[in-house]
């Protein structure tokens, strides 16, 4: 049973890493190409990230703690 959970954890970790690389690449492309990127792909990455940061900020101390937990979960190995 633990082998199955370890395999699942590895798979989910790999998937999260790929998603983070994709978000990073799309953020870079939006910075480089601006509104052309938004019109072509139909997604505003920088606007979504800004909205997420605003939501964390509006929650005060709970938002800061939640942002810290999310950052820890993404960065840990």
C-alpha atoms as a PDB file:
ATOM      1  CA  UNK A   1       0.000   0.000   0.000  1.00  0.00           C
ATOM      2  CA  UNK A   2       2.825   2.422   0.806  1.00  0.00           C
ATOM      3  CA  UNK A   3       4.480   1.698  -2.546  1.00  0.00           C
ATOM      4  CA  UNK A   4       1.269   2.733  -4.295  1.00  0.00           C
ATOM      5  CA  UNK A   5       1.039   5.939  -2.255  1.00  0.00           C
ATOM      6  CA  UNK A   6       4.698   6.741  -2.955  1.00  0.00           C
ATOM      7  CA  UNK A   7       4.131   6.235  -6.679  1.00  0.00           C
ATOM      8  CA  UNK A   8       1.017   8.433  -6.582  1.00  0.00           C
ATOM      9  CA  UNK A   9       2.904  11.116  -4.644  1.00  0.00           C
ATOM     10  CA  UNK A  10       5.719  11.052  -7.208  1.00  0.00           C
ATOM     11  CA  UNK A  11       3.271  11.310 -10.095  1.00  0.00           C
ATOM     12  CA  UNK A  12       1.399  14.232  -8.526  1.00  0.00           C
ATOM     13  CA  UNK A  13       4.674  15.959  -7.695  1.00  0.00           C
ATOM     14  CA  UNK A  14       5.833  15.612 -11.297  1.00  0.00           C
ATOM     15  CA  UNK A  15       2.503  16.932 -12.574  1.00  0.00           C
ATOM     16  CA  UNK A  16       2.692  19.953 -10.256  1.00  0.00           C
ATOM     17  CA  UNK A  17       6.237  20.669 -11.430  1.00  0.00           C
ATOM     18  CA  UNK A  18       5.102  20.590 -15.070  1.00  0.00           C
ATOM     19  CA  UNK A  19       2.205  22.959 -14.303  1.00  0.00           C
ATOM     20  CA  UNK A  20       4.579  25.386 -12.547  1.00  0.00           C
ATOM     21  CA  UNK A  21       6.911  25.332 -15.564  1.00  0.00           C
ATOM     22  CA  UNK A  22       3.949  25.984 -17.861  1.00  0.00           C
ATOM     23  CA  UNK A  23       2.741  28.930 -15.749  1.00  0.00           C
ATOM     24  CA  UNK A  24       6.285  30.330 -15.684  1.00  0.00           C
ATOM     25  CA  UNK A  25       6.609  30.030 -19.453  1.00  0.00           C
ATOM     26  CA  UNK A  26       3.214  31.619 -20.074  1.00  0.00           C
ATOM     27  CA  UNK A  27       4.046  34.458 -17.663  1.00  0.00           C
ATOM     28  CA  UNK A  28       7.291  35.127 -19.522  1.00  0.00           C
ATOM     29  CA  UNK A  29       5.488  35.076 -22.872  1.00  0.00           C
ATOM     30  CA  UNK A  30       2.852  37.511 -21.619  1.00  0.00           C
ATOM     31  CA  UNK A  31       5.551  39.882 -20.345  1.00  0.00           C
ATOM     32  CA  UNK A  32       7.335  39.699 -23.694  1.00  0.00           C
ATOM     33  CA  UNK A  33       4.305  39.962 -25.984  1.00  0.00           C
ATOM     34  CA  UNK A  34       1.769  41.824 -23.826  1.00  0.00           C
ATOM     35  CA  UNK A  35      -1.779  42.141 -25.139  1.00  0.00           C
ATOM     36  CA  UNK A  36      -0.986  40.044 -28.211  1.00  0.00           C
ATOM     37  CA  UNK A  37      -0.477  37.042 -25.935  1.00  0.00           C
ATOM     38  CA  UNK A  38      -3.787  37.621 -24.156  1.00  0.00           C
ATOM     39  CA  UNK A  39      -5.676  37.915 -27.453  1.00  0.00           C
ATOM     40  CA  UNK A  40      -3.983  34.838 -28.954  1.00  0.00           C
ATOM     41  CA  UNK A  41      -4.321  32.466 -25.983  1.00  0.00           C
ATOM     42  CA  UNK A  42      -7.380  34.057 -24.377  1.00  0.00           C
ATOM     43  CA  UNK A  43      -5.907  33.956 -20.872  1.00  0.00           C
ATOM     44  CA  UNK A  44      -4.482  36.774 -18.773  1.00  0.00           C
ATOM     45  CA  UNK A  45      -1.851  35.085 -16.594  1.00  0.00           C
ATOM     46  CA  UNK A  46      -0.557  38.286 -14.976  1.00  0.00           C
ATOM     47  CA  UNK A  47      -4.090  39.463 -14.228  1.00  0.00           C
ATOM     48  CA  UNK A  48      -4.941  36.114 -12.641  1.00  0.00           C
ATOM     49  CA  UNK A  49      -1.784  36.134 -10.511  1.00  0.00           C
ATOM     50  CA  UNK A  50      -2.522  39.712  -9.439  1.00  0.00           C
ATOM     51  CA  UNK A  51      -6.078  38.736  -8.530  1.00  0.00           C
ATOM     52  CA  UNK A  52      -4.824  35.788  -6.476  1.00  0.00           C
ATOM     53  CA  UNK A  53      -2.336  37.979  -4.590  1.00  0.00           C
ATOM     54  CA  UNK A  54      -5.083  40.530  -3.940  1.00  0.00           C
ATOM     55  CA  UNK A  55      -7.365  37.829  -2.527  1.00  0.00           C
ATOM     56  CA  UNK A  56      -4.613  36.622  -0.183  1.00  0.00           C
ATOM     57  CA  UNK A  57      -3.921  40.225   0.855  1.00  0.00           C
ATOM     58  CA  UNK A  58      -7.569  40.998   1.577  1.00  0.00           C
ATOM     59  CA  UNK A  59      -7.750  38.156   4.087  1.00  0.00           C
ATOM     60  CA  UNK A  60      -5.171  39.736   6.420  1.00  0.00           C
ATOM     61  CA  UNK A  61      -3.187  37.422   8.684  1.00  0.00           C
ATOM     62  CA  UNK A  62      -5.110  34.335   7.556  1.00  0.00           C
ATOM     63  CA  UNK A  63      -4.252  35.164   3.935  1.00  0.00           C
ATOM     64  CA  UNK A  64      -0.574  35.578   4.767  1.00  0.00           C
ATOM     65  CA  UNK A  65      -0.531  32.237   6.581  1.00  0.00           C
ATOM     66  CA  UNK A  66      -2.387  30.552   3.697  1.00  0.00           C
ATOM     67  CA  UNK A  67       0.033  32.036   1.152  1.00  0.00           C
ATOM     68  CA  UNK A  68       2.954  30.786   3.253  1.00  0.00           C
ATOM     69  CA  UNK A  69       1.484  27.283   3.423  1.00  0.00           C
ATOM     70  CA  UNK A  70       0.889  27.228  -0.343  1.00  0.00           C
ATOM     71  CA  UNK A  71       4.433  28.468  -1.013  1.00  0.00           C
ATOM     72  CA  UNK A  72       5.847  25.829   1.341  1.00  0.00           C
ATOM     73  CA  UNK A  73       3.905  23.047  -0.347  1.00  0.00           C
ATOM     74  CA  UNK A  74       5.114  24.127  -3.777  1.00  0.00           C
ATOM     75  CA  UNK A  75       8.774  24.610  -2.838  1.00  0.00           C
ATOM     76  CA  UNK A  76       9.383  21.603  -0.586  1.00  0.00           C
ATOM     77  CA  UNK A  77      11.041  18.510  -1.991  1.00  0.00           C
END
